[in-house]
Structures are given as C-alpha cells and as structure tokens.
Amino acid sequence: MAPQRGIICWDLDETLGGFRCYDSSYDGLDLPVGVRHGAFDCLIRLRGKGFRHVITTSASRDYAELVLERTGLDVHMSAVFHRGIVSRQLWGKCYRPVLEHFSIREADAYHSMIVIGDRPTDRPIDINLVFVEQDRGYVYDSALLERTIELLMEGGAGSFARGFDFVFQNARAGDWPDHRGRAFPLGDGAVLVPDYRSNTESGGLGTNVIPALRLVPSPSQKRDLDAFEL
C-alpha cells in the first residue's frame, strides 16, 4: 500500500460531474448527468499514489450520499462533509472539520490538503489551503486535475503549499488561449493562473489570503457531455 501523501477535498456538483437530476428542485430541466470524463481513473490513480479523497459539498447530506451511491463514486471517498458541516457561512466553505476528522494539525494541513472546486464559493474561509478552481470543470477531461496535483507535489517536494510557490514563481507572461497574463503552462494549451485571493468578502474565519490556482484548459480538452461516465 502506498504511503499516505495527502487529502484532496472535492466539490461535488459541476466538479466531479453533473448530478442535478437527483435534485427534485431541478425537475423538468434537461440537464446533463454523469461523472466527468476520466474521473474514475483519476481517483483510482491518485489513491494508488497515497492520496485520500473526500467530498466537501454545499449540498445536503441526503443528496450527496444519493449521488455518490448512484454513480459509484462512494467507494473512492474516505469521508463526506456536507452542507451542515462545511457551509456554515453564506459564502465559502469551512475545511477545518476535515483536518479534525483525520487528526491533522493545521500547520501540516497547509502542505498535505488541497481543495478543488468549480467556483469561488468553494474557497476555504477558515484555514489556509491551496485552492484549485476550474470553471465548469466537469465538461473537461479529469486528467488536467491529476496533472495539476502531480505538478504541485513534484514542484513542492511533497507539499501543496510549496508546490503553489513553485507555480507562482515560474509563471510567465504570455498570450495564452483564453487567458492573457502570467500563467504556468500545463501542456496541450492548458495553463494554471496563480494568484493570492482574499477571503474577506465572506467574512473569512481564518487568514485573509488564499493561494489559488485557476485551471484554464484548452478548447481541445473539452469533452462531449454525451461521453459522461454513468
């Protein structure tokens, strides 16, 4: 068994896939449903490298558990942190319950935990963690996220925090597809845009600055929603 390397906190909807059909409030809408392309392989490979996966969602516990069971994602998750645990504020999420669940010290969490979501409201507001945001990420290949995690681990010698520093220091100016400015190339036209973002608009409960990476894929990495894994 691979040694434990860290914890990946996954948002659920629009990050791991499209699941709104399981929410009765969306009845009558023609919405895509399924797990994003390559997600199962991504989760399995990262688990094989020693990472633990958890869900951190603003959805209800019943909804999250239903989605995970129906899609088969549940077998890859070490724990589920739902709305009543992580979404105690109107804006942003609390991730301290995750480190408390796994008995991780806050000083270590900065290096061993990472947050992945699809919108700014997934940003940590109670502890300082690296945050990866990919708008409408569920319509793109999951390999991009896997590549990002591996880059951070390699560039940071096993630390997500130092990995962010590596990306930030090595980002360069360019006219990238769908982005202009400083970015770090991931290959195949995808880039990471590093930034330090304030969490004060949420009345942040911890430090005021979060190290954030915006993952900007190339159009070629978009996947047909008909190819969702069901």
C-alpha atoms as a PDB file:
ATOM      1  CA  MET A   1       0.000   0.000   0.000  1.00  0.00           C
ATOM      2  CA  ALA A   2       1.284   3.450  -0.914  1.00  0.00           C
ATOM      3  CA  PRO A   3       2.160   5.766   1.997  1.00  0.00           C
ATOM      4  CA  GLN A   4      -0.371   8.495   2.791  1.00  0.00           C
ATOM      5  CA  ARG A   5       0.554  11.644   0.867  1.00  0.00           C
ATOM      6  CA  GLY A   6      -2.362  13.976   1.449  1.00  0.00           C
ATOM      7  CA  ILE A   7      -6.074  14.670   1.285  1.00  0.00           C
ATOM      8  CA  ILE A   8      -7.921  16.001  -1.750  1.00  0.00           C
ATOM      9  CA  CYS A   9     -11.169  17.846  -0.954  1.00  0.00           C
ATOM     10  CA  TRP A  10     -13.529  17.570  -3.912  1.00  0.00           C
ATOM     11  CA  ASP A  11     -16.557  19.728  -4.538  1.00  0.00           C
ATOM     12  CA  LEU A  12     -19.388  17.604  -5.940  1.00  0.00           C
ATOM     13  CA  ASP A  13     -21.667  19.327  -8.480  1.00  0.00           C
ATOM     14  CA  GLU A  14     -20.035  20.706 -11.625  1.00  0.00           C
ATOM     15  CA  THR A  15     -16.646  19.492 -10.351  1.00  0.00           C
ATOM     16  CA  LEU A  16     -16.905  15.710 -10.345  1.00  0.00           C
ATOM     17  CA  GLY A  17     -19.857  15.667 -12.728  1.00  0.00           C
ATOM     18  CA  GLY A  18     -23.414  16.759 -13.418  1.00  0.00           C
ATOM     19  CA  PHE A  19     -25.859  15.439 -10.856  1.00  0.00           C
ATOM     20  CA  ARG A  20     -28.700  17.954 -10.694  1.00  0.00           C
ATOM     21  CA  CYS A  21     -31.174  15.371 -11.985  1.00  0.00           C
ATOM     22  CA  TYR A  22     -31.084  13.870  -8.491  1.00  0.00           C
ATOM     23  CA  ASP A  23     -32.333  17.167  -7.033  1.00  0.00           C
ATOM     24  CA  SER A  24     -36.139  17.457  -7.197  1.00  0.00           C
ATOM     25  CA  SER A  25     -35.919  21.253  -7.436  1.00  0.00           C
ATOM     26  CA  TYR A  26     -34.492  20.815 -10.955  1.00  0.00           C
ATOM     27  CA  ASP A  27     -37.380  18.641 -12.203  1.00  0.00           C
ATOM     28  CA  GLY A  28     -38.357  19.380 -15.791  1.00  0.00           C
ATOM     29  CA  LEU A  29     -34.962  20.742 -16.818  1.00  0.00           C
ATOM     30  CA  ASP A  30     -32.877  18.961 -19.437  1.00  0.00           C
ATOM     31  CA  LEU A  31     -29.579  18.699 -17.560  1.00  0.00           C
ATOM     32  CA  PRO A  32     -26.509  16.553 -18.264  1.00  0.00           C
ATOM     33  CA  VAL A  33     -25.992  13.726 -15.825  1.00  0.00           C
ATOM     34  CA  GLY A  34     -22.998  11.594 -15.083  1.00  0.00           C
ATOM     35  CA  VAL A  35     -19.433  11.571 -13.809  1.00  0.00           C
ATOM     36  CA  ARG A  36     -16.944  13.741 -15.686  1.00  0.00           C
ATOM     37  CA  HIS A  37     -14.741  12.135 -18.281  1.00  0.00           C
ATOM     38  CA  GLY A  38     -11.825  10.199 -16.774  1.00  0.00           C
ATOM     39  CA  ALA A  39     -12.800  10.871 -13.166  1.00  0.00           C
ATOM     40  CA  PHE A  40     -12.847   7.246 -12.046  1.00  0.00           C
ATOM     41  CA  ASP A  41      -9.387   6.574 -13.474  1.00  0.00           C
ATOM     42  CA  CYS A  42      -8.105   9.824 -11.954  1.00  0.00           C
ATOM     43  CA  LEU A  43      -9.422   8.959  -8.492  1.00  0.00           C
ATOM     44  CA  ILE A  44      -8.054   5.428  -8.669  1.00  0.00           C
ATOM     45  CA  ARG A  45      -4.586   6.501  -9.778  1.00  0.00           C
ATOM     46  CA  LEU A  46      -4.346   9.188  -7.105  1.00  0.00           C
ATOM     47  CA  ARG A  47      -5.490   6.726  -4.434  1.00  0.00           C
ATOM     48  CA  GLY A  48      -2.786   4.365  -5.662  1.00  0.00           C
ATOM     49  CA  LYS A  49      -0.248   7.131  -5.059  1.00  0.00           C
ATOM     50  CA  GLY A  50      -1.376   7.530  -1.449  1.00  0.00           C
ATOM     51  CA  PHE A  51      -3.981  10.308  -1.637  1.00  0.00           C
ATOM     52  CA  ARG A  52      -7.290  10.149   0.203  1.00  0.00           C
ATOM     53  CA  HIS A  53     -10.391  11.668  -1.369  1.00  0.00           C
ATOM     54  CA  VAL A  54     -13.191  13.424   0.495  1.00  0.00           C
ATOM     55  CA  ILE A  55     -16.308  15.255  -0.643  1.00  0.00           C
ATOM     56  CA  THR A  56     -16.823  18.809   0.612  1.00  0.00           C
ATOM     57  CA  THR A  57     -20.164  19.976  -0.740  1.00  0.00           C
ATOM     58  CA  SER A  58     -22.728  22.664  -0.018  1.00  0.00           C
ATOM     59  CA  ALA A  59     -25.424  20.122  -0.860  1.00  0.00           C
ATOM     60  CA  SER A  60     -27.409  18.276   1.794  1.00  0.00           C
ATOM     61  CA  ARG A  61     -26.188  15.007   3.254  1.00  0.00           C
ATOM     62  CA  ASP A  62     -29.043  13.014   1.716  1.00  0.00           C
ATOM     63  CA  TYR A  63     -28.397  14.443  -1.743  1.00  0.00           C
ATOM     64  CA  ALA A  64     -24.625  13.892  -1.557  1.00  0.00           C
ATOM     65  CA  GLU A  65     -24.986  10.309  -0.363  1.00  0.00           C
ATOM     66  CA  LEU A  66     -27.573   9.577  -3.063  1.00  0.00           C
ATOM     67  CA  VAL A  67     -25.351  10.949  -5.830  1.00  0.00           C
ATOM     68  CA  LEU A  68     -22.278   9.094  -4.615  1.00  0.00           C
ATOM     69  CA  GLU A  69     -24.128   5.796  -4.312  1.00  0.00           C
ATOM     70  CA  ARG A  70     -25.926   6.081  -7.680  1.00  0.00           C
ATOM     71  CA  THR A  71     -22.721   6.965  -9.546  1.00  0.00           C
ATOM     72  CA  GLY A  72     -20.357   4.597  -7.772  1.00  0.00           C
ATOM     73  CA  LEU A  73     -18.142   7.433  -6.558  1.00  0.00           C
ATOM     74  CA  ASP A  74     -18.774   6.453  -2.944  1.00  0.00           C
ATOM     75  CA  VAL A  75     -16.191   3.638  -2.997  1.00  0.00           C
ATOM     76  CA  HIS A  76     -13.436   6.174  -3.703  1.00  0.00           C
ATOM     77  CA  MET A  77     -14.312   8.567  -0.861  1.00  0.00           C
ATOM     78  CA  SER A  78     -12.891   8.349   2.654  1.00  0.00           C
ATOM     79  CA  ALA A  79     -15.498  10.749   4.058  1.00  0.00           C
ATOM     80  CA  VAL A  80     -18.313  13.107   3.065  1.00  0.00           C
ATOM     81  CA  PHE A  81     -18.617  16.621   4.506  1.00  0.00           C
ATOM     82  CA  HIS A  82     -21.996  18.105   3.603  1.00  0.00           C
ATOM     83  CA  ARG A  83     -23.732  21.483   3.857  1.00  0.00           C
ATOM     84  CA  GLY A  84     -24.312  21.278   7.596  1.00  0.00           C
ATOM     85  CA  ILE A  85     -20.587  20.788   8.186  1.00  0.00           C
ATOM     86  CA  VAL A  86     -18.730  22.906   5.631  1.00  0.00           C
ATOM     87  CA  SER A  87     -21.234  25.582   4.565  1.00  0.00           C
ATOM     88  CA  ARG A  88     -21.908  27.369   7.823  1.00  0.00           C
ATOM     89  CA  GLN A  89     -21.330  30.759   6.179  1.00  0.00           C
ATOM     90  CA  LEU A  90     -23.171  32.434   3.307  1.00  0.00           C
ATOM     91  CA  TRP A  91     -20.012  32.476   1.199  1.00  0.00           C
ATOM     92  CA  GLY A  92     -17.169  29.978   1.043  1.00  0.00           C
ATOM     93  CA  LYS A  93     -16.605  26.710   2.865  1.00  0.00           C
ATOM     94  CA  CYS A  94     -15.063  25.583   6.122  1.00  0.00           C
ATOM     95  CA  TYR A  95     -12.408  22.885   5.854  1.00  0.00           C
ATOM     96  CA  ARG A  96     -11.259  22.651   9.455  1.00  0.00           C
ATOM     97  CA  PRO A  97     -13.731  19.764  10.037  1.00  0.00           C
ATOM     98  CA  VAL A  98     -11.741  17.720   7.502  1.00  0.00           C
ATOM     99  CA  LEU A  99      -8.421  18.090   9.271  1.00  0.00           C
ATOM    100  CA  GLU A 100     -10.114  17.456  12.617  1.00  0.00           C
ATOM    101  CA  HIS A 101     -11.699  14.280  11.247  1.00  0.00           C
ATOM    102  CA  PHE A 102      -8.286  12.953  10.193  1.00  0.00           C
ATOM    103  CA  SER A 103      -6.438  14.394  13.229  1.00  0.00           C
ATOM    104  CA  ILE A 104      -4.221  16.609  11.081  1.00  0.00           C
ATOM    105  CA  ARG A 105      -2.531  19.634  12.611  1.00  0.00           C
ATOM    106  CA  GLU A 106      -3.374  22.932  10.942  1.00  0.00           C
ATOM    107  CA  ALA A 107       0.306  23.613  10.265  1.00  0.00           C
ATOM    108  CA  ASP A 108       0.518  20.308   8.387  1.00  0.00           C
ATOM    109  CA  ALA A 109      -2.789  20.756   6.547  1.00  0.00           C
ATOM    110  CA  TYR A 110      -1.356  23.635   4.504  1.00  0.00           C
ATOM    111  CA  HIS A 111       1.095  21.170   2.991  1.00  0.00           C
ATOM    112  CA  SER A 112      -0.980  17.973   2.861  1.00  0.00           C
ATOM    113  CA  MET A 113      -4.515  19.133   1.923  1.00  0.00           C
ATOM    114  CA  ILE A 114      -5.851  20.721  -1.254  1.00  0.00           C
ATOM    115  CA  VAL A 115      -9.288  21.995  -2.287  1.00  0.00           C
ATOM    116  CA  ILE A 116     -10.749  21.500  -5.776  1.00  0.00           C
ATOM    117  CA  GLY A 117     -13.919  23.291  -6.876  1.00  0.00           C
ATOM    118  CA  ASP A 118     -15.634  24.979  -9.782  1.00  0.00           C
ATOM    119  CA  ARG A 119     -16.399  28.413  -8.347  1.00  0.00           C
ATOM    120  CA  PRO A 120     -15.025  30.997  -5.885  1.00  0.00           C
ATOM    121  CA  THR A 121     -17.596  29.954  -3.263  1.00  0.00           C
ATOM    122  CA  ASP A 122     -15.682  26.693  -2.794  1.00  0.00           C
ATOM    123  CA  ARG A 123     -12.761  28.713  -1.455  1.00  0.00           C
ATOM    124  CA  PRO A 124     -11.557  27.973   2.119  1.00  0.00           C
ATOM    125  CA  ILE A 125     -12.570  30.606   4.658  1.00  0.00           C
ATOM    126  CA  ASP A 126     -11.402  29.100   7.945  1.00  0.00           C
ATOM    127  CA  ILE A 127      -7.924  27.715   7.233  1.00  0.00           C
ATOM    128  CA  ASN A 128      -5.218  28.466   4.709  1.00  0.00           C
ATOM    129  CA  LEU A 129      -5.226  25.801   1.971  1.00  0.00           C
ATOM    130  CA  VAL A 130      -4.256  25.764  -1.696  1.00  0.00           C
ATOM    131  CA  PHE A 131      -7.395  26.125  -3.804  1.00  0.00           C
ATOM    132  CA  VAL A 132      -7.731  24.921  -7.410  1.00  0.00           C
ATOM    133  CA  GLU A 133     -10.682  26.397  -9.302  1.00  0.00           C
ATOM    134  CA  GLN A 134     -11.844  25.212 -12.710  1.00  0.00           C
ATOM    135  CA  ASP A 135     -14.983  26.892 -14.005  1.00  0.00           C
ATOM    136  CA  ARG A 136     -17.392  24.276 -15.389  1.00  0.00           C
ATOM    137  CA  GLY A 137     -14.652  21.762 -14.782  1.00  0.00           C
ATOM    138  CA  TYR A 138     -16.980  18.829 -15.243  1.00  0.00           C
ATOM    139  CA  VAL A 139     -17.075  19.298 -19.006  1.00  0.00           C
ATOM    140  CA  TYR A 140     -13.289  18.841 -19.293  1.00  0.00           C
ATOM    141  CA  ASP A 141     -11.057  15.817 -19.033  1.00  0.00           C
ATOM    142  CA  SER A 142     -10.127  14.883 -15.443  1.00  0.00           C
ATOM    143  CA  ALA A 143      -6.521  14.288 -16.489  1.00  0.00           C
ATOM    144  CA  LEU A 144      -5.929  18.055 -16.157  1.00  0.00           C
ATOM    145  CA  LEU A 145      -6.623  17.937 -12.433  1.00  0.00           C
ATOM    146  CA  GLU A 146      -4.432  14.887 -11.995  1.00  0.00           C
ATOM    147  CA  ARG A 147      -1.630  16.671 -13.842  1.00  0.00           C
ATOM    148  CA  THR A 148      -2.084  19.725 -11.610  1.00  0.00           C
ATOM    149  CA  ILE A 149      -1.845  17.688  -8.406  1.00  0.00           C
ATOM    150  CA  GLU A 150       1.248  15.860  -9.628  1.00  0.00           C
ATOM    151  CA  LEU A 151       2.880  19.147 -10.629  1.00  0.00           C
ATOM    152  CA  LEU A 152       2.261  20.655  -7.198  1.00  0.00           C
ATOM    153  CA  MET A 153       3.633  17.586  -5.444  1.00  0.00           C
ATOM    154  CA  GLU A 154       6.728  17.429  -7.622  1.00  0.00           C
ATOM    155  CA  GLY A 155       7.395  21.177  -7.637  1.00  0.00           C
ATOM    156  CA  GLY A 156       6.830  21.383  -3.888  1.00  0.00           C
ATOM    157  CA  ALA A 157       8.738  18.231  -2.932  1.00  0.00           C
ATOM    158  CA  GLY A 158       5.608  16.668  -1.443  1.00  0.00           C
ATOM    159  CA  SER A 159       3.981  19.898  -0.233  1.00  0.00           C
ATOM    160  CA  PHE A 160       0.948  21.523  -1.870  1.00  0.00           C
ATOM    161  CA  ALA A 161       1.932  24.864  -0.343  1.00  0.00           C
ATOM    162  CA  ARG A 162       5.465  24.769  -1.706  1.00  0.00           C
ATOM    163  CA  GLY A 163       4.054  23.485  -4.981  1.00  0.00           C
ATOM    164  CA  PHE A 164       1.932  26.616  -5.264  1.00  0.00           C
ATOM    165  CA  ASP A 165       5.042  28.722  -4.610  1.00  0.00           C
ATOM    166  CA  PHE A 166       6.798  26.833  -7.400  1.00  0.00           C
ATOM    167  CA  VAL A 167       3.986  27.565  -9.869  1.00  0.00           C
ATOM    168  CA  PHE A 168       3.721  31.210  -8.769  1.00  0.00           C
ATOM    169  CA  GLN A 169       7.463  31.803  -9.115  1.00  0.00           C
ATOM    170  CA  ASN A 170       7.690  30.086 -12.508  1.00  0.00           C
ATOM    171  CA  ALA A 171       4.566  31.562 -14.110  1.00  0.00           C
ATOM    172  CA  ARG A 172       5.441  33.681 -17.120  1.00  0.00           C
ATOM    173  CA  ALA A 173       3.745  36.293 -19.220  1.00  0.00           C
ATOM    174  CA  GLY A 174       2.168  35.221 -22.475  1.00  0.00           C
ATOM    175  CA  ASP A 175      -0.839  35.378 -24.722  1.00  0.00           C
ATOM    176  CA  TRP A 176      -2.302  32.041 -23.752  1.00  0.00           C
ATOM    177  CA  PRO A 177      -5.525  30.557 -25.193  1.00  0.00           C
ATOM    178  CA  ASP A 178      -8.454  32.017 -23.227  1.00  0.00           C
ATOM    179  CA  HIS A 179      -6.078  33.942 -20.966  1.00  0.00           C
ATOM    180  CA  ARG A 180      -3.650  36.832 -21.164  1.00  0.00           C
ATOM    181  CA  GLY A 181      -1.101  37.491 -18.455  1.00  0.00           C
ATOM    182  CA  ARG A 182       1.152  35.438 -16.188  1.00  0.00           C
ATOM    183  CA  ALA A 183       0.459  31.719 -16.239  1.00  0.00           C
ATOM    184  CA  PHE A 184       2.170  28.364 -15.896  1.00  0.00           C
ATOM    185  CA  PRO A 185       1.813  26.055 -18.925  1.00  0.00           C
ATOM    186  CA  LEU A 186       0.431  22.583 -18.195  1.00  0.00           C
ATOM    187  CA  GLY A 187       0.836  21.372 -21.748  1.00  0.00           C
ATOM    188  CA  ASP A 188      -1.585  20.911 -24.638  1.00  0.00           C
ATOM    189  CA  GLY A 189      -2.631  24.560 -24.323  1.00  0.00           C
ATOM    190  CA  ALA A 190      -3.817  24.372 -20.701  1.00  0.00           C
ATOM    191  CA  VAL A 191      -2.422  26.802 -18.115  1.00  0.00           C
ATOM    192  CA  LEU A 192      -2.523  27.440 -14.379  1.00  0.00           C
ATOM    193  CA  VAL A 193      -3.086  31.042 -13.314  1.00  0.00           C
ATOM    194  CA  PRO A 194      -1.702  31.546  -9.775  1.00  0.00           C
ATOM    195  CA  ASP A 195      -2.988  34.288  -7.507  1.00  0.00           C
ATOM    196  CA  TYR A 196      -3.445  35.194  -3.864  1.00  0.00           C
ATOM    197  CA  ARG A 197      -7.130  35.819  -3.201  1.00  0.00           C
ATOM    198  CA  SER A 198      -8.819  37.499  -0.310  1.00  0.00           C
ATOM    199  CA  ASN A 199     -11.491  35.642   1.610  1.00  0.00           C
ATOM    200  CA  THR A 200     -12.671  38.776   3.408  1.00  0.00           C
ATOM    201  CA  GLU A 201     -15.777  39.111   1.214  1.00  0.00           C
ATOM    202  CA  SER A 202     -17.063  36.074   3.085  1.00  0.00           C
ATOM    203  CA  GLY A 203     -16.143  37.391   6.494  1.00  0.00           C
ATOM    204  CA  GLY A 204     -13.297  34.877   6.403  1.00  0.00           C
ATOM    205  CA  LEU A 205     -12.732  32.993   9.615  1.00  0.00           C
ATOM    206  CA  GLY A 206      -9.005  32.467   9.126  1.00  0.00           C
ATOM    207  CA  THR A 207      -6.248  34.246   7.249  1.00  0.00           C
ATOM    208  CA  ASN A 208      -7.318  36.815   4.670  1.00  0.00           C
ATOM    209  CA  VAL A 209      -5.342  35.461   1.711  1.00  0.00           C
ATOM    210  CA  ILE A 210      -5.748  32.099   0.000  1.00  0.00           C
ATOM    211  CA  PRO A 211      -3.234  30.694  -2.537  1.00  0.00           C
ATOM    212  CA  ALA A 212      -5.426  29.973  -5.544  1.00  0.00           C
ATOM    213  CA  LEU A 213      -4.817  28.382  -8.916  1.00  0.00           C
ATOM    214  CA  ARG A 214      -7.276  28.892 -11.764  1.00  0.00           C
ATOM    215  CA  LEU A 215      -7.086  25.997 -14.185  1.00  0.00           C
ATOM    216  CA  VAL A 216      -7.723  27.219 -17.735  1.00  0.00           C
ATOM    217  CA  PRO A 217      -7.990  24.305 -20.196  1.00  0.00           C
ATOM    218  CA  SER A 218      -7.686  24.489 -23.936  1.00  0.00           C
ATOM    219  CA  PRO A 219     -10.832  24.059 -26.043  1.00  0.00           C
ATOM    220  CA  SER A 220      -9.497  20.711 -27.279  1.00  0.00           C
ATOM    221  CA  GLN A 221      -9.734  19.299 -23.760  1.00  0.00           C
ATOM    222  CA  LYS A 222     -13.479  19.802 -23.594  1.00  0.00           C
ATOM    223  CA  ARG A 223     -15.466  16.583 -23.665  1.00  0.00           C
ATOM    224  CA  ASP A 224     -18.902  15.920 -25.132  1.00  0.00           C
ATOM    225  CA  LEU A 225     -21.369  15.606 -22.286  1.00  0.00           C
ATOM    226  CA  ASP A 226     -22.743  12.533 -24.043  1.00  0.00           C
ATOM    227  CA  ALA A 227     -19.451  10.887 -23.056  1.00  0.00           C
ATOM    228  CA  PHE A 228     -20.180  11.215 -19.345  1.00  0.00           C
ATOM    229  CA  GLU A 229     -19.473   8.056 -17.383  1.00  0.00           C
ATOM    230  CA  LEU A 230     -22.701   6.751 -15.869  1.00  0.00           C
END
